[in-house]
Protein backbone atom coordinates (compact mmCIF):
# COMPACT_ATOMS: atom_id res chain seq x y z
CA MET A 1 -31.20 -124.13 -15.71
CA LYS A 2 -33.52 -123.54 -18.62
CA LYS A 3 -36.33 -122.72 -16.09
CA LEU A 4 -34.11 -119.97 -14.54
CA ILE A 5 -33.47 -118.36 -17.85
CA TYR A 6 -37.23 -118.54 -18.86
CA THR A 7 -38.18 -117.04 -15.26
CA LEU A 8 -35.54 -114.28 -15.81
CA LEU A 9 -36.68 -113.51 -19.28
CA SER A 10 -40.26 -113.27 -18.46
CA ILE A 11 -39.33 -110.96 -15.38
CA ILE A 12 -37.53 -108.78 -17.79
CA LEU A 13 -40.13 -108.64 -20.40
CA THR A 14 -42.80 -107.67 -17.75
CA MET A 15 -40.74 -104.86 -16.48
CA ILE A 16 -39.91 -103.18 -19.88
CA PRO A 17 -43.53 -101.69 -20.73
CA PHE A 18 -43.36 -100.02 -17.50
CA GLN A 19 -40.00 -98.40 -17.93
CA ILE A 20 -41.20 -97.12 -21.59
CA LEU A 21 -44.22 -95.83 -20.04
CA ALA A 22 -42.92 -94.05 -17.12
CA VAL A 23 -43.80 -90.45 -17.29
CA PRO A 24 -41.84 -87.83 -15.17
CA SER A 25 -44.23 -86.69 -12.44
CA LYS A 26 -43.41 -82.99 -13.33
CA LEU A 27 -42.78 -81.95 -16.98
CA PRO A 28 -40.18 -79.19 -17.19
CA LYS A 29 -41.36 -75.49 -17.77
CA TYR A 30 -40.07 -73.23 -20.24
CA PRO A 31 -40.60 -69.39 -20.35
CA TYR A 32 -42.17 -67.47 -22.87
CA LYS A 33 -42.93 -63.53 -23.18
CA ILE A 34 -45.59 -61.14 -24.31
CA GLU A 35 -43.91 -57.99 -25.79
CA TYR A 36 -45.98 -54.90 -26.26
CA TYR A 37 -44.96 -52.53 -29.03
CA TYR A 38 -46.55 -48.81 -29.49
CA ASP A 39 -45.47 -47.32 -32.82
CA ASN A 40 -42.84 -50.08 -33.18
CA THR A 41 -41.10 -49.12 -30.06
CA LEU A 42 -40.99 -51.89 -27.22
CA ASP A 43 -42.39 -50.74 -24.12
CA SER A 44 -40.52 -53.08 -21.75
CA LYS A 45 -42.75 -52.20 -18.62
CA GLU A 46 -45.83 -53.86 -20.19
CA THR A 47 -43.74 -57.08 -21.02
CA ILE A 48 -45.45 -60.10 -19.55
CA THR A 49 -43.20 -63.23 -18.63
CA SER A 50 -44.96 -66.70 -18.17
CA SER A 51 -44.03 -70.43 -18.64
CA GLY A 52 -45.46 -73.50 -20.03
CA THR A 53 -44.39 -77.09 -20.81
CA MET A 54 -43.01 -77.80 -24.47
CA GLY A 55 -45.42 -78.31 -27.08
CA ASP A 56 -48.23 -76.20 -25.17
CA LEU A 57 -49.98 -73.67 -27.41
CA VAL A 58 -50.33 -69.80 -26.53
CA THR A 59 -53.22 -68.39 -28.54
CA ASN A 60 -54.09 -65.10 -26.69
CA TYR A 61 -52.75 -62.31 -24.45
CA PRO A 62 -54.08 -59.49 -22.45
CA ASN A 63 -55.19 -56.45 -24.34
CA LYS A 64 -52.70 -53.56 -23.33
CA GLU A 65 -54.30 -50.93 -25.74
CA LYS A 66 -53.42 -47.41 -24.32
CA LYS A 67 -55.53 -44.50 -25.02
CA GLY A 68 -55.13 -42.92 -28.50
CA TYR A 69 -53.66 -46.35 -29.63
CA GLU A 70 -55.44 -49.63 -31.39
CA LEU A 71 -54.32 -52.91 -31.85
CA PHE A 72 -52.42 -53.57 -35.35
CA TYR A 73 -51.04 -56.91 -35.51
CA SER A 74 -49.74 -59.87 -33.28
CA THR A 75 -47.35 -62.57 -34.02
CA ILE A 76 -50.05 -65.04 -33.18
CA ASP A 77 -52.66 -63.60 -35.43
CA ASP A 78 -52.07 -66.30 -37.92
CA GLU A 79 -50.68 -68.89 -35.92
CA ALA A 80 -50.40 -69.76 -31.98
CA LEU A 81 -46.97 -69.79 -30.54
CA THR A 82 -45.93 -73.45 -29.57
CA ILE A 83 -43.69 -73.44 -26.57
CA SER A 84 -40.21 -74.82 -27.30
CA ASP A 85 -36.85 -75.15 -24.97
CA ASN A 86 -35.49 -72.27 -26.78
CA PRO A 87 -36.71 -68.85 -25.24
CA ASP A 88 -35.50 -67.07 -28.32
CA PHE A 89 -38.47 -68.60 -30.12
CA ASN A 90 -41.01 -68.18 -27.18
CA ILE A 91 -41.83 -64.73 -27.73
CA ILE A 92 -45.35 -63.24 -28.84
CA LYS A 93 -44.92 -59.58 -30.14
CA VAL A 94 -48.00 -57.27 -30.12
CA PHE A 95 -48.06 -54.18 -32.30
CA TYR A 96 -50.44 -51.17 -31.55
CA THR A 97 -50.47 -47.90 -33.56
CA GLN A 98 -51.50 -44.44 -32.78
CA ILE A 99 -54.96 -43.57 -33.83
CA ASN A 100 -54.70 -40.46 -36.36
CA THR A 101 -57.34 -37.96 -34.12
CA GLU A 102 -58.27 -34.25 -35.31
CA ASN A 103 -60.81 -32.35 -32.93
CA GLY A 104 -61.62 -35.84 -31.31
CA TYR A 105 -62.81 -37.68 -34.49
CA GLU A 106 -60.58 -40.28 -36.42
CA LYS A 107 -59.08 -38.76 -39.36
CA ALA A 108 -59.52 -40.88 -42.55
CA PRO A 109 -55.89 -41.68 -44.26
CA LYS A 110 -54.92 -39.32 -46.97
CA THR A 111 -54.62 -41.12 -50.27
CA GLY A 112 -54.23 -38.25 -52.63
CA ILE A 113 -57.87 -38.20 -53.49
CA GLU A 114 -59.95 -36.16 -51.05
CA GLN A 115 -61.98 -38.94 -49.31
CA LYS A 116 -65.23 -36.68 -49.63
CA GLY A 117 -65.91 -37.14 -53.01
CA ALA A 118 -63.98 -40.16 -53.93
CA ASN A 119 -67.00 -42.45 -53.68
CA ILE A 120 -68.37 -40.44 -56.53
CA ILE A 121 -65.56 -39.07 -58.47
CA LEU A 122 -63.88 -42.51 -59.31
CA PRO A 123 -66.99 -44.29 -60.88
CA LEU A 124 -67.90 -41.12 -62.71
CA ALA A 125 -64.15 -40.67 -64.15
CA LEU A 126 -64.38 -44.50 -65.09
CA ILE A 127 -67.65 -43.84 -67.07
CA VAL A 128 -66.39 -40.68 -68.74
CA GLY A 129 -63.20 -42.45 -69.88
CA LEU A 130 -65.35 -45.36 -71.26
CA LEU A 131 -67.61 -42.90 -73.20
CA PHE A 132 -64.41 -41.11 -74.73
CA ALA A 133 -62.95 -44.32 -75.59
CA LYS A 134 -66.21 -45.68 -77.34
CA GLU A 135 -66.67 -42.32 -79.41
CA LYS A 136 -62.69 -42.45 -80.38
CA MET A 137 -63.46 -46.22 -81.61
CA LYS A 138 -66.56 -44.89 -83.84
CA HIS A 139 -64.10 -42.50 -85.64
C-alpha cells in the first residue's frame, strides 16, 4: 500500500510542471486602432485597424501626411501603446496641423512683434533698458 501511494505521488508530481508550463498554442489577438486627425477633426477614412497579443508594444504608425499638413503630435510620442484586452485603451491618435502658407512659402507665426526685426530689437531694448537703469542708479 505504501509503495502504491508513493508511486501515485511521484506520477502526480511529475505531471504538475507540465500543467504549469503548458502554453496555449495560439494566444488571443486584441484589436487596436490608429486614428488620424487633421486640425483636430477625425478623418475616419484614414483609420487603420489591426491586432496584436496582449502586452505587445506598438511604437510606430504609417505616415498619412496630406498636402498642406504637417505632423504635430501622436499619443505614442512619449510612450508606446501596450496592447490590452480593453479596446478603449488600444487607440493611437495621430494629429496633423495645417501649414500656414502665403504665396507658397511657410508663414512665420505672429507673436505681436514683427519677426523681421525681432532678433535685433529685443536685445537692443534690453541693452537700452539696462543703460537707463544704470544711469538712474547713479542719480
